PDB file of N, CA and C in Angstrom:
ATOM      1  N   MET A   1     102.840  86.864 -96.469  1.00  0.00           N
ATOM      2  CA  MET A   1     103.837  85.999 -97.056  1.00  0.00           C
ATOM      3  C   MET A   1     104.214  84.891 -96.084  1.00  0.00           C
ATOM      4  N   GLU A   2     104.305  85.228 -94.800  1.00  0.00           N
ATOM      5  CA  GLU A   2     104.668  84.216 -93.806  1.00  0.00           C
ATOM      6  C   GLU A   2     103.618  83.117 -93.733  1.00  0.00           C
ATOM      7  N   ARG A   3     102.351  83.501 -93.728  1.00  0.00           N
ATOM      8  CA  ARG A   3     101.273  82.524 -93.630  1.00  0.00           C
ATOM      9  C   ARG A   3     101.296  81.575 -94.829  1.00  0.00           C
ATOM     10  N   TYR A   4     101.407  82.126 -96.019  1.00  0.00           N
ATOM     11  CA  TYR A   4     101.405  81.275 -97.208  1.00  0.00           C
ATOM     12  C   TYR A   4     102.730  80.518 -97.349  1.00  0.00           C
ATOM     13  N   GLY A   5     103.812  81.118 -96.875  1.00  0.00           N
ATOM     14  CA  GLY A   5     105.093  80.418 -96.884  1.00  0.00           C
ATOM     15  C   GLY A   5     105.025  79.161 -96.029  1.00  0.00           C
ATOM     16  N   ALA A   6     104.400  79.271 -94.858  1.00  0.00           N
ATOM     17  CA  ALA A   6     104.240  78.107 -93.986  1.00  0.00           C
ATOM     18  C   ALA A   6     103.323  77.069 -94.641  1.00  0.00           C
ATOM     19  N   ARG A   7     102.270  77.533 -95.279  1.00  0.00           N
ATOM     20  CA  ARG A   7     101.328  76.620 -95.929  1.00  0.00           C
ATOM     21  C   ARG A   7     101.989  75.825 -97.055  1.00  0.00           C
ATOM     22  N   TYR A   8     102.862  76.481 -97.819  1.00  0.00           N
ATOM     23  CA  TYR A   8     103.499  75.821 -98.958  1.00  0.00           C
ATOM     24  C   TYR A   8     104.907  75.320 -98.654  1.00  0.00           C
ATOM     25  N   GLY A   9     105.320  75.455 -97.396  1.00  0.00           N
ATOM     26  CA  GLY A   9     106.643  74.972 -97.002  1.00  0.00           C
ATOM     27  C   GLY A   9     107.778  75.739 -97.656  1.00  0.00           C
ATOM     28  N   ARG A  10     107.632  77.049 -97.760  1.00  0.00           N
ATOM     29  CA  ARG A  10     108.642  77.886 -98.405  1.00  0.00           C
ATOM     30  C   ARG A  10     109.101  78.977 -97.447  1.00  0.00           C
ATOM     31  N   ARG A  11     110.367  79.274 -97.509  1.00  0.00           N
ATOM     32  CA  ARG A  11     110.924  80.379 -96.718  1.00  0.00           C
ATOM     33  C   ARG A  11     111.049  81.581 -97.646  1.00  0.00           C
ATOM     34  N   ILE A  12     110.295  82.615 -97.378  1.00  0.00           N
ATOM     35  CA  ILE A  12     110.291  83.813 -98.204  1.00  0.00           C
ATOM     36  C   ILE A  12     110.936  84.952 -97.419  1.00  0.00           C
ATOM     37  N   ASP A  13     111.988  85.546 -97.995  1.00  0.00           N
ATOM     38  CA  ASP A  13     112.674  86.655 -97.325  1.00  0.00           C
ATOM     39  C   ASP A  13     112.064  88.013 -97.656  1.00  0.00           C
ATOM     40  N   GLY A  14     111.242  88.065 -98.685  1.00  0.00           N
ATOM     41  CA  GLY A  14     110.622  89.339 -99.045  1.00  0.00           C
ATOM     42  C   GLY A  14     110.319  89.414-100.525  1.00  0.00           C
ATOM     43  N   MET A  15     110.186  90.651-101.006  1.00  0.00           N
ATOM     44  CA  MET A  15     109.901  90.915-102.412  1.00  0.00           C
ATOM     45  C   MET A  15     110.954  91.856-102.965  1.00  0.00           C
ATOM     46  N   THR A  16     111.195  91.745-104.261  1.00  0.00           N
ATOM     47  CA  THR A  16     112.098  92.703-104.891  1.00  0.00           C
ATOM     48  C   THR A  16     111.418  94.061-104.918  1.00  0.00           C
ATOM     49  N   ARG A  17     112.209  95.080-105.039  1.00  0.00           N
ATOM     50  CA  ARG A  17     111.684  96.441-105.076  1.00  0.00           C
ATOM     51  C   ARG A  17     110.703  96.605-106.236  1.00  0.00           C
ATOM     52  N   GLU A  18     111.034  96.053-107.379  1.00  0.00           N
ATOM     53  CA  GLU A  18     110.160  96.190-108.543  1.00  0.00           C
ATOM     54  C   GLU A  18     108.809  95.508-108.297  1.00  0.00           C
ATOM     55  N   ALA A  19     108.817  94.347-107.660  1.00  0.00           N
ATOM     56  CA  ALA A  19     107.561  93.649-107.367  1.00  0.00           C
ATOM     57  C   ALA A  19     106.695  94.479-106.428  1.00  0.00           C
ATOM     58  N   VAL A  20     107.303  95.057-105.401  1.00  0.00           N
ATOM     59  CA  VAL A  20     106.560  95.893-104.462  1.00  0.00           C
ATOM     60  C   VAL A  20     105.967  97.105-105.180  1.00  0.00           C
ATOM     61  N   GLU A  21     106.755  97.726-106.042  1.00  0.00           N
ATOM     62  CA  GLU A  21     106.268  98.902-106.758  1.00  0.00           C
ATOM     63  C   GLU A  21     105.113  98.555-107.695  1.00  0.00           C
ATOM     64  N   LEU A  22     105.161  97.366-108.305  1.00  0.00           N
ATOM     65  CA  LEU A  22     104.050  96.959-109.156  1.00  0.00           C
ATOM     66  C   LEU A  22     102.788  96.735-108.330  1.00  0.00           C
ATOM     67  N   LEU A  23     102.945  96.141-107.168  1.00  0.00           N
ATOM     68  CA  LEU A  23     101.785  95.925-106.298  1.00  0.00           C
ATOM     69  C   LEU A  23     101.190  97.258-105.837  1.00  0.00           C
ATOM     70  N   ILE A  24     102.041  98.207-105.532  1.00  0.00           N
ATOM     71  CA  ILE A  24     101.572  99.526-105.104  1.00  0.00           C
ATOM     72  C   ILE A  24     100.864 100.248-106.247  1.00  0.00           C
ATOM     73  N   GLY A  25     101.378 100.082-107.464  1.00  0.00           N
ATOM     74  CA  GLY A  25     100.826 100.779-108.614  1.00  0.00           C
ATOM     75  C   GLY A  25      99.555 100.175-109.180  1.00  0.00           C
ATOM     76  N   TYR A  26      99.173  98.995-108.720  1.00  0.00           N
ATOM     77  CA  TYR A  26      97.975  98.332-109.239  1.00  0.00           C
ATOM     78  C   TYR A  26      96.728  98.907-108.574  1.00  0.00           C
ATOM     79  N   GLU A  27      95.614  98.972-109.306  1.00  0.00           N
ATOM     80  CA  GLU A  27      94.374  99.573-108.812  1.00  0.00           C
ATOM     81  C   GLU A  27      93.643  98.726-107.770  1.00  0.00           C
ATOM     82  N   TRP A  28      93.760  97.429-107.758  1.00  0.00           N
ATOM     83  CA  TRP A  28      93.134  96.493-106.827  1.00  0.00           C
ATOM     84  C   TRP A  28      91.609  96.571-106.832  1.00  0.00           C
ATOM     85  N   PRO A  29      91.001  96.242-107.980  1.00  0.00           N
ATOM     86  CA  PRO A  29      89.540  96.259-108.024  1.00  0.00           C
ATOM     87  C   PRO A  29      88.911  95.223-107.094  1.00  0.00           C
ATOM     88  N   GLY A  30      89.643  94.164-106.769  1.00  0.00           N
ATOM     89  CA  GLY A  30      89.127  93.139-105.865  1.00  0.00           C
ATOM     90  C   GLY A  30      89.509  93.371-104.422  1.00  0.00           C
ATOM     91  N   ASN A  31      90.135  94.510-104.153  1.00  0.00           N
ATOM     92  CA  ASN A  31      90.530  94.912-102.808  1.00  0.00           C
ATOM     93  C   ASN A  31      91.415  93.885-102.110  1.00  0.00           C
ATOM     94  N   VAL A  32      91.214  93.710-100.809  1.00  0.00           N
ATOM     95  CA  VAL A  32      92.100  92.871-100.002  1.00  0.00           C
ATOM     96  C   VAL A  32      92.070  91.412-100.454  1.00  0.00           C
ATOM     97  N   ARG A  33      90.925  90.918-100.830  1.00  0.00           N
ATOM     98  CA  ARG A  33      90.820  89.523-101.267  1.00  0.00           C
ATOM     99  C   ARG A  33      91.711  89.276-102.492  1.00  0.00           C
ATOM    100  N   GLU A  34      91.711  90.187-103.422  1.00  0.00           N
ATOM    101  CA  GLU A  34      92.551  90.037-104.609  1.00  0.00           C
ATOM    102  C   GLU A  34      94.030  90.099-104.233  1.00  0.00           C
ATOM    103  N   LEU A  35      94.387  91.004-103.341  1.00  0.00           N
ATOM    104  CA  LEU A  35      95.776  91.106-102.886  1.00  0.00           C
ATOM    105  C   LEU A  35      96.217  89.809-102.218  1.00  0.00           C
ATOM    106  N   LYS A  36      95.387  89.252-101.356  1.00  0.00           N
ATOM    107  CA  LYS A  36      95.722  87.983-100.705  1.00  0.00           C
ATOM    108  C   LYS A  36      95.938  86.880-101.736  1.00  0.00           C
ATOM    109  N   ASN A  37      95.072  86.810-102.737  1.00  0.00           N
ATOM    110  CA  ASN A  37      95.209  85.797-103.782  1.00  0.00           C
ATOM    111  C   ASN A  37      96.503  85.967-104.563  1.00  0.00           C
ATOM    112  N   VAL A  38      96.865  87.201-104.862  1.00  0.00           N
ATOM    113  CA  VAL A  38      98.100  87.466-105.599  1.00  0.00           C
ATOM    114  C   VAL A  38      99.312  87.046-104.775  1.00  0.00           C
ATOM    115  N   VAL A  39      99.315  87.379-103.494  1.00  0.00           N
ATOM    116  CA  VAL A  39     100.438  87.007-102.624  1.00  0.00           C
ATOM    117  C   VAL A  39     100.521  85.489-102.479  1.00  0.00           C
ATOM    118  N   GLU A  40      99.388  84.837-102.292  1.00  0.00           N
ATOM    119  CA  GLU A  40      99.398  83.373-102.167  1.00  0.00           C
ATOM    120  C   GLU A  40      99.942  82.728-103.438  1.00  0.00           C
ATOM    121  N   ARG A  41      99.495  83.199-104.579  1.00  0.00           N
ATOM    122  CA  ARG A  41      99.970  82.654-105.863  1.00  0.00           C
ATOM    123  C   ARG A  41     101.476  82.872-106.016  1.00  0.00           C
ATOM    124  N   ALA A  42     101.944  84.063-105.662  1.00  0.00           N
ATOM    125  CA  ALA A  42     103.366  84.373-105.776  1.00  0.00           C
ATOM    126  C   ALA A  42     104.195  83.450-104.883  1.00  0.00           C
ATOM    127  N   VAL A  43     103.741  83.228-103.664  1.00  0.00           N
ATOM    128  CA  VAL A  43     104.458  82.339-102.743  1.00  0.00           C
ATOM    129  C   VAL A  43     104.463  80.910-103.295  1.00  0.00           C
ATOM    130  N   ALA A  44     103.361  80.485-103.867  1.00  0.00           N
ATOM    131  CA  ALA A  44     103.275  79.123-104.413  1.00  0.00           C
ATOM    132  C   ALA A  44     104.231  78.919-105.584  1.00  0.00           C
ATOM    133  N   TYR A  45     104.456  79.972-106.370  1.00  0.00           N
ATOM    134  CA  TYR A  45     105.278  79.838-107.575  1.00  0.00           C
ATOM    135  C   TYR A  45     106.725  80.297-107.425  1.00  0.00           C
ATOM    136  N   VAL A  46     107.048  80.973-106.324  1.00  0.00           N
ATOM    137  CA  VAL A  46     108.391  81.542-106.179  1.00  0.00           C
ATOM    138  C   VAL A  46     109.445  80.433-106.193  1.00  0.00           C
ATOM    139  N   ARG A  47     110.593  80.718-106.837  1.00  0.00           N
ATOM    140  CA  ARG A  47     111.678  79.743-106.934  1.00  0.00           C
ATOM    141  C   ARG A  47     112.832  80.078-106.006  1.00  0.00           C
ATOM    142  N   GLY A  48     112.908  81.318-105.589  1.00  0.00           N
ATOM    143  CA  GLY A  48     113.992  81.735-104.710  1.00  0.00           C
ATOM    144  C   GLY A  48     113.440  82.317-103.427  1.00  0.00           C
ATOM    145  N   PRO A  49     114.266  83.005-102.664  1.00  0.00           N
ATOM    146  CA  PRO A  49     113.810  83.559-101.389  1.00  0.00           C
ATOM    147  C   PRO A  49     113.049  84.881-101.535  1.00  0.00           C
ATOM    148  N   PHE A  50     113.074  85.473-102.733  1.00  0.00           N
ATOM    149  CA  PHE A  50     112.395  86.745-102.956  1.00  0.00           C
ATOM    150  C   PHE A  50     111.337  86.610-104.039  1.00  0.00           C
ATOM    151  N   ILE A  51     110.180  87.193-103.802  1.00  0.00           N
ATOM    152  CA  ILE A  51     109.138  87.242-104.822  1.00  0.00           C
ATOM    153  C   ILE A  51     109.529  88.331-105.806  1.00  0.00           C
ATOM    154  N   THR A  52     109.539  87.975-107.084  1.00  0.00           N
ATOM    155  CA  THR A  52     109.889  88.918-108.141  1.00  0.00           C
ATOM    156  C   THR A  52     108.664  89.189-109.001  1.00  0.00           C
ATOM    157  N   THR A  53     108.823  90.023-109.985  1.00  0.00           N
ATOM    158  CA  THR A  53     107.710  90.318-110.893  1.00  0.00           C
ATOM    159  C   THR A  53     107.291  89.088-111.687  1.00  0.00           C
ATOM    160  N   GLU A  54     108.186  88.130-111.818  1.00  0.00           N
ATOM    161  CA  GLU A  54     107.861  86.912-112.571  1.00  0.00           C
ATOM    162  C   GLU A  54     106.762  86.095-111.891  1.00  0.00           C
ATOM    163  N   GLU A  55     106.632  86.205-110.585  1.00  0.00           N
ATOM    164  CA  GLU A  55     105.612  85.452-109.863  1.00  0.00           C
ATOM    165  C   GLU A  55     104.271  86.193-109.783  1.00  0.00           C
ATOM    166  N   LEU A  56     104.241  87.437-110.186  1.00  0.00           N
ATOM    167  CA  LEU A  56     103.009  88.213-110.128  1.00  0.00           C
ATOM    168  C   LEU A  56     102.153  87.947-111.364  1.00  0.00           C
ATOM    169  N   PRO A  57     100.827  88.005-111.221  1.00  0.00           N
ATOM    170  CA  PRO A  57      99.948  87.785-112.370  1.00  0.00           C
ATOM    171  C   PRO A  57     100.172  88.848-113.448  1.00  0.00           C
ATOM    172  N   GLU A  58     100.029  88.443-114.670  1.00  0.00           N
ATOM    173  CA  GLU A  58     100.260  89.344-115.803  1.00  0.00           C
ATOM    174  C   GLU A  58      99.384  90.592-115.739  1.00  0.00           C
ATOM    175  N   VAL A  59      98.154  90.449-115.267  1.00  0.00           N
ATOM    176  CA  VAL A  59      97.253  91.606-115.186  1.00  0.00           C
ATOM    177  C   VAL A  59      97.810  92.673-114.251  1.00  0.00           C
ATOM    178  N   VAL A  60      98.442  92.268-113.166  1.00  0.00           N
ATOM    179  CA  VAL A  60      99.043  93.221-112.231  1.00  0.00           C
ATOM    180  C   VAL A  60     100.247  93.888-112.874  1.00  0.00           C
ATOM    181  N   VAL A  61     101.088  93.098-113.512  1.00  0.00           N
ATOM    182  CA  VAL A  61     102.304  93.624-114.135  1.00  0.00           C
ATOM    183  C   VAL A  61     101.952  94.602-115.246  1.00  0.00           C
ATOM    184  N   ARG A  62     101.055  94.193-116.139  1.00  0.00           N
ATOM    185  CA  ARG A  62     100.681  95.055-117.267  1.00  0.00           C
ATOM    186  C   ARG A  62     100.043  96.354-116.797  1.00  0.00           C
ATOM    187  N   SER A  63      99.129  96.271-115.868  1.00  0.00           N
ATOM    188  CA  SER A  63      98.410  97.458-115.403  1.00  0.00           C
ATOM    189  C   SER A  63      99.354  98.459-114.749  1.00  0.00           C
ATOM    190  N   ALA A  64     100.161  97.985-113.843  1.00  0.00           N
ATOM    191  CA  ALA A  64     101.065  98.880-113.121  1.00  0.00           C
ATOM    192  C   ALA A  64     102.131  99.445-114.046  1.00  0.00           C
ATOM    193  N   ARG A  65     102.668  98.636-114.928  1.00  0.00           N
ATOM    194  CA  ARG A  65     103.696  99.131-115.852  1.00  0.00           C
ATOM    195  C   ARG A  65     103.114 100.113-116.859  1.00  0.00           C
ATOM    196  N   ARG A  66     101.880  99.881-117.260  1.00  0.00           N
ATOM    197  CA  ARG A  66     101.239 100.787-118.213  1.00  0.00           C
ATOM    198  C   ARG A  66     101.139 102.185-117.582  1.00  0.00           C
ATOM    199  N   GLN A  67     100.818 102.243-116.299  1.00  0.00           N
ATOM    200  CA  GLN A  67     100.706 103.533-115.620  1.00  0.00           C
ATOM    201  C   GLN A  67     102.072 104.171-115.412  1.00  0.00           C
ATOM    202  N   ASP A  68     103.089 103.370-115.160  1.00  0.00           N
ATOM    203  CA  ASP A  68     104.397 103.874-114.756  1.00  0.00           C
ATOM    204  C   ASP A  68     105.352 104.111-115.921  1.00  0.00           C
ATOM    205  N   ARG A  69     105.103 103.496-117.055  1.00  0.00           N
ATOM    206  CA  ARG A  69     106.112 103.548-118.115  1.00  0.00           C
ATOM    207  C   ARG A  69     106.298 104.938-118.702  1.00  0.00           C
ATOM    208  N   TYR A  70     105.324 105.803-118.526  1.00  0.00           N
ATOM    209  CA  TYR A  70     105.436 107.140-119.087  1.00  0.00           C
ATOM    210  C   TYR A  70     106.001 108.155-118.102  1.00  0.00           C
ATOM    211  N   THR A  71     106.397 107.689-116.921  1.00  0.00           N
ATOM    212  CA  THR A  71     107.049 108.580-115.973  1.00  0.00           C
ATOM    213  C   THR A  71     108.551 108.373-116.061  1.00  0.00           C
ATOM    214  N   PHE A  72     109.288 109.404-115.816  1.00  0.00           N
ATOM    215  CA  PHE A  72     110.737 109.300-115.853  1.00  0.00           C
ATOM    216  C   PHE A  72     111.233 108.316-114.799  1.00  0.00           C
ATOM    217  N   HIS A  73     110.670 108.399-113.590  1.00  0.00           N
ATOM    218  CA  HIS A  73     111.090 107.503-112.509  1.00  0.00           C
ATOM    219  C   HIS A  73     110.842 106.047-112.878  1.00  0.00           C
ATOM    220  N   GLY A  74     109.680 105.757-113.440  1.00  0.00           N
ATOM    221  CA  GLY A  74     109.356 104.384-113.835  1.00  0.00           C
ATOM    222  C   GLY A  74     110.307 103.851-114.883  1.00  0.00           C
ATOM    223  N   TRP A  75     110.567 104.659-115.897  1.00  0.00           N
ATOM    224  CA  TRP A  75     111.487 104.251-116.959  1.00  0.00           C
ATOM    225  C   TRP A  75     112.900 104.046-116.403  1.00  0.00           C
ATOM    226  N   LYS A  76     113.341 104.986-115.577  1.00  0.00           N
ATOM    227  CA  LYS A  76     114.690 104.907-115.000  1.00  0.00           C
ATOM    228  C   LYS A  76     114.846 103.653-114.150  1.00  0.00           C
ATOM    229  N   GLN A  77     113.855 103.373-113.312  1.00  0.00           N
ATOM    230  CA  GLN A  77     113.923 102.215-112.429  1.00  0.00           C
ATOM    231  C   GLN A  77     113.985 100.920-113.222  1.00  0.00           C
ATOM    232  N   MET A  78     113.119 100.770-114.212  1.00  0.00           N
ATOM    233  CA  MET A  78     113.113  99.546-115.024  1.00  0.00           C
ATOM    234  C   MET A  78     114.426  99.390-115.783  1.00  0.00           C
ATOM    235  N   THR A  79     114.961 100.490-116.292  1.00  0.00           N
ATOM    236  CA  THR A  79     116.211 100.441-117.037  1.00  0.00           C
ATOM    237  C   THR A  79     117.372 100.042-116.135  1.00  0.00           C
ATOM    238  N   LEU A  80     117.462 100.653-114.975  1.00  0.00           N
ATOM    239  CA  LEU A  80     118.555 100.337-114.050  1.00  0.00           C
ATOM    240  C   LEU A  80     118.495  98.890-113.572  1.00  0.00           C
ATOM    241  N   GLU A  81     117.303  98.415-113.271  1.00  0.00           N
ATOM    242  CA  GLU A  81     117.178  97.035-112.799  1.00  0.00           C
ATOM    243  C   GLU A  81     117.531  96.040-113.896  1.00  0.00           C
ATOM    244  N   ARG A  82     117.096  96.312-115.108  1.00  0.00           N
ATOM    245  CA  ARG A  82     117.436  95.429-116.233  1.00  0.00           C
ATOM    246  C   ARG A  82     118.948  95.415-116.457  1.00  0.00           C
ATOM    247  N   GLN A  83     119.582  96.588-116.373  1.00  0.00           N
ATOM    248  CA  GLN A  83     121.028  96.664-116.557  1.00  0.00           C
ATOM    249  C   GLN A  83     121.779  95.961-115.433  1.00  0.00           C
ATOM    250  N   GLU A  84     121.294  96.078-114.212  1.00  0.00           N
ATOM    251  CA  GLU A  84     121.930  95.402-113.088  1.00  0.00           C
ATOM    252  C   GLU A  84     121.919  93.887-113.289  1.00  0.00           C
ATOM    253  N   LYS A  85     120.782  93.348-113.671  1.00  0.00           N
ATOM    254  CA  LYS A  85     120.678  91.903-113.886  1.00  0.00           C
ATOM    255  C   LYS A  85     121.589  91.458-115.020  1.00  0.00           C
ATOM    256  N   GLU A  86     121.566  92.169-116.137  1.00  0.00           N
ATOM    257  CA  GLU A  86     122.421  91.811-117.278  1.00  0.00           C
ATOM    258  C   GLU A  86     123.893  91.893-116.914  1.00  0.00           C
ATOM    259  N   PHE A  87     124.278  92.921-116.160  1.00  0.00           N
ATOM    260  CA  PHE A  87     125.656  93.092-115.730  1.00  0.00           C
ATOM    261  C   PHE A  87     126.116  91.900-114.882  1.00  0.00           C
ATOM    262  N   LEU A  88     125.274  91.497-113.936  1.00  0.00           N
ATOM    263  CA  LEU A  88     125.612  90.356-113.086  1.00  0.00           C
ATOM    264  C   LEU A  88     125.687  89.064-113.885  1.00  0.00           C
ATOM    265  N   GLU A  89     124.782  88.867-114.816  1.00  0.00           N
ATOM    266  CA  GLU A  89     124.806  87.662-115.658  1.00  0.00           C
ATOM    267  C   GLU A  89     126.114  87.590-116.445  1.00  0.00           C
ATOM    268  N   LYS A  90     126.525  88.710-117.032  1.00  0.00           N
ATOM    269  CA  LYS A  90     127.766  88.737-117.812  1.00  0.00           C
ATOM    270  C   LYS A  90     128.992  88.514-116.926  1.00  0.00           C
ATOM    271  N   ALA A  91     129.004  89.147-115.758  1.00  0.00           N
ATOM    272  CA  ALA A  91     130.142  88.989-114.849  1.00  0.00           C
ATOM    273  C   ALA A  91     130.267  87.541-114.392  1.00  0.00           C
ATOM    274  N   LEU A  92     129.160  86.914-114.053  1.00  0.00           N
ATOM    275  CA  LEU A  92     129.194  85.504-113.643  1.00  0.00           C
ATOM    276  C   LEU A  92     129.658  84.616-114.796  1.00  0.00           C
ATOM    277  N   ALA A  93     129.188  84.898-115.994  1.00  0.00           N
ATOM    278  CA  ALA A  93     129.586  84.102-117.163  1.00  0.00           C
ATOM    279  C   ALA A  93     131.088  84.240-117.425  1.00  0.00           C
ATOM    280  N   GLU A  94     131.615  85.448-117.285  1.00  0.00           N
ATOM    281  CA  GLU A  94     133.045  85.685-117.507  1.00  0.00           C
ATOM    282  C   GLU A  94     133.921  84.907-116.530  1.00  0.00           C
ATOM    283  N   HIS A  95     133.366  84.580-115.364  1.00  0.00           N
ATOM    284  CA  HIS A  95     134.126  83.850-114.348  1.00  0.00           C
ATOM    285  C   HIS A  95     133.583  82.431-114.169  1.00  0.00           C
ATOM    286  N   SER A  96     132.958  81.922-115.211  1.00  0.00           N
ATOM    287  CA  SER A  96     132.434  80.551-115.248  1.00  0.00           C
ATOM    288  C   SER A  96     131.556  80.219-114.048  1.00  0.00           C
ATOM    289  N   GLY A  97     130.811  81.210-113.580  1.00  0.00           N
ATOM    290  CA  GLY A  97     129.888  80.983-112.478  1.00  0.00           C
ATOM    291  C   GLY A  97     130.538  80.937-111.107  1.00  0.00           C
ATOM    292  N   ASN A  98     131.827  81.197-111.027  1.00  0.00           N
ATOM    293  CA  ASN A  98     132.526  81.171-109.745  1.00  0.00           C
ATOM    294  C   ASN A  98     132.183  82.445-108.963  1.00  0.00           C
ATOM    295  N   VAL A  99     131.438  82.281-107.899  1.00  0.00           N
ATOM    296  CA  VAL A  99     130.932  83.427-107.129  1.00  0.00           C
ATOM    297  C   VAL A  99     132.072  84.196-106.464  1.00  0.00           C
ATOM    298  N   THR A 100     133.023  83.485-105.903  1.00  0.00           N
ATOM    299  CA  THR A 100     134.138  84.138-105.219  1.00  0.00           C
ATOM    300  C   THR A 100     134.950  84.994-106.183  1.00  0.00           C
ATOM    301  N   GLN A 101     135.281  84.442-107.335  1.00  0.00           N
ATOM    302  CA  GLN A 101     136.060  85.191-108.336  1.00  0.00           C
ATOM    303  C   GLN A 101     135.264  86.367-108.885  1.00  0.00           C
ATOM    304  N   THR A 102     133.981  86.161-109.113  1.00  0.00           N
ATOM    305  CA  THR A 102     133.138  87.234-109.638  1.00  0.00           C
ATOM    306  C   THR A 102     133.033  88.376-108.637  1.00  0.00           C
ATOM    307  N   ALA A 103     132.817  88.046-107.374  1.00  0.00           N
ATOM    308  CA  ALA A 103     132.719  89.074-106.331  1.00  0.00           C
ATOM    309  C   ALA A 103     134.021  89.862-106.234  1.00  0.00           C
ATOM    310  N   LYS A 104     135.125  89.164-106.286  1.00  0.00           N
ATOM    311  CA  LYS A 104     136.428  89.829-106.207  1.00  0.00           C
ATOM    312  C   LYS A 104     136.619  90.770-107.393  1.00  0.00           C
ATOM    313  N   ALA A 105     136.273  90.304-108.596  1.00  0.00           N
ATOM    314  CA  ALA A 105     136.415  91.132-109.795  1.00  0.00           C
ATOM    315  C   ALA A 105     135.516  92.364-109.742  1.00  0.00           C
ATOM    316  N   LEU A 106     134.352  92.223-109.142  1.00  0.00           N
ATOM    317  CA  LEU A 106     133.414  93.346-109.057  1.00  0.00           C
ATOM    318  C   LEU A 106     133.723  94.269-107.882  1.00  0.00           C
ATOM    319  N   GLY A 107     134.570  93.810-106.966  1.00  0.00           N
ATOM    320  CA  GLY A 107     134.918  94.626-105.810  1.00  0.00           C
ATOM    321  C   GLY A 107     133.830  94.674-104.753  1.00  0.00           C
ATOM    322  N   VAL A 108     133.066  93.569-104.662  1.00  0.00           N
ATOM    323  CA  VAL A 108     132.021  93.483-103.639  1.00  0.00           C
ATOM    324  C   VAL A 108     132.258  92.242-102.800  1.00  0.00           C
ATOM    325  N   HIS A 109     131.664  92.222-101.645  1.00  0.00           N
ATOM    326  CA  HIS A 109     131.772  91.062-100.781  1.00  0.00           C
ATOM    327  C   HIS A 109     130.976  89.912-101.386  1.00  0.00           C
ATOM    328  N   ARG A 110     131.442  88.709-101.142  1.00  0.00           N
ATOM    329  CA  ARG A 110     130.775  87.517-101.686  1.00  0.00           C
ATOM    330  C   ARG A 110     129.301  87.447-101.283  1.00  0.00           C
ATOM    331  N   SER A 111     128.996  87.801-100.038  1.00  0.00           N
ATOM    332  CA  SER A 111     127.609  87.764 -99.567  1.00  0.00           C
ATOM    333  C   SER A 111     126.744  88.797-100.288  1.00  0.00           C
ATOM    334  N   THR A 112     127.331  89.920-100.659  1.00  0.00           N
ATOM    335  CA  THR A 112     126.596  90.929-101.423  1.00  0.00           C
ATOM    336  C   THR A 112     126.226  90.391-102.792  1.00  0.00           C
ATOM    337  N   LEU A 113     127.179  89.742-103.439  1.00  0.00           N
ATOM    338  CA  LEU A 113     126.900  89.143-104.742  1.00  0.00           C
ATOM    339  C   LEU A 113     125.840  88.050-104.618  1.00  0.00           C
ATOM    340  N   GLN A 114     125.926  87.232-103.593  1.00  0.00           N
ATOM    341  CA  GLN A 114     124.935  86.172-103.402  1.00  0.00           C
ATOM    342  C   GLN A 114     123.540  86.747-103.179  1.00  0.00           C
ATOM    343  N   ARG A 115     123.446  87.843-102.434  1.00  0.00           N
ATOM    344  CA  ARG A 115     122.150  88.497-102.205  1.00  0.00           C
ATOM    345  C   ARG A 115     121.579  89.004-103.533  1.00  0.00           C
ATOM    346  N   LEU A 116     122.433  89.617-104.350  1.00  0.00           N
ATOM    347  CA  LEU A 116     121.983  90.109-105.656  1.00  0.00           C
ATOM    348  C   LEU A 116     121.581  88.953-106.570  1.00  0.00           C
ATOM    349  N   MET A 117     122.299  87.856-106.476  1.00  0.00           N
ATOM    350  CA  MET A 117     121.953  86.679-107.286  1.00  0.00           C
ATOM    351  C   MET A 117     120.581  86.143-106.883  1.00  0.00           C
ATOM    352  N   ARG A 118     120.304  86.109-105.577  1.00  0.00           N
ATOM    353  CA  ARG A 118     118.979  85.664-105.125  1.00  0.00           C
ATOM    354  C   ARG A 118     117.902  86.621-105.612  1.00  0.00           C
ATOM    355  N   ARG A 119     118.200  87.914-105.529  1.00  0.00           N
ATOM    356  CA  ARG A 119     117.226  88.919-105.953  1.00  0.00           C
ATOM    357  C   ARG A 119     116.838  88.731-107.408  1.00  0.00           C
ATOM    358  N   TRP A 120     117.815  88.431-108.250  1.00  0.00           N
ATOM    359  CA  TRP A 120     117.566  88.287-109.686  1.00  0.00           C
ATOM    360  C   TRP A 120     117.393  86.829-110.107  1.00  0.00           C
ATOM    361  N   ASN A 121     117.368  85.939-109.119  1.00  0.00           N
ATOM    362  CA  ASN A 121     117.159  84.518-109.407  1.00  0.00           C
ATOM    363  C   ASN A 121     118.235  83.975-110.354  1.00  0.00           C
ATOM    364  N   LEU A 122     119.487  84.343-110.092  1.00  0.00           N
ATOM    365  CA  LEU A 122     120.612  83.899-110.911  1.00  0.00           C
ATOM    366  C   LEU A 122     121.323  82.745-110.221  1.00  0.00           C
ATOM    367  N   SER A 123     121.767  81.802-111.009  1.00  0.00           N
ATOM    368  CA  SER A 123     122.515  80.684-110.440  1.00  0.00           C
ATOM    369  C   SER A 123     123.999  80.841-110.775  1.00  0.00           C
ATOM    370  N   ALA A 124     124.821  80.127-110.043  1.00  0.00           N
ATOM    371  CA  ALA A 124     126.270  80.227-110.238  1.00  0.00           C
ATOM    372  C   ALA A 124     126.746  79.374-111.422  1.00  0.00           C
ATOM    373  N   SER A 125     125.885  78.572-111.972  1.00  0.00           N
ATOM    374  CA  SER A 125     126.332  77.692-113.064  1.00  0.00           C
ATOM    375  C   SER A 125     126.383  78.353-114.399  1.00  0.00           C
TER     376      SER A 125
END
């Protein structure tokens, strides 16, 4: 990620947990070369500081989710992450995108809310 981040002039802080799990769950028929291509593409398309599943190729997402969707852990993880994002979107909307007010209402530190917003690619507007 660092190498491609430098090449594309992007600062990448990492990947979301779901993105990492999808990469781990993929079969990688193209081995290391395919992995490098996927990471380079993700860095080129990323909009925030974290690579999410949105930047991963559809073939990786579909394959890994197909394997994981029938496990309790896979279903639970996807459900919790979807609920977390929706919860944050609603909380921000209720406070007109004001991060300070939203953080206070949720009982979390402002920096914690900002980190979660970056993770889910949410804006304050």
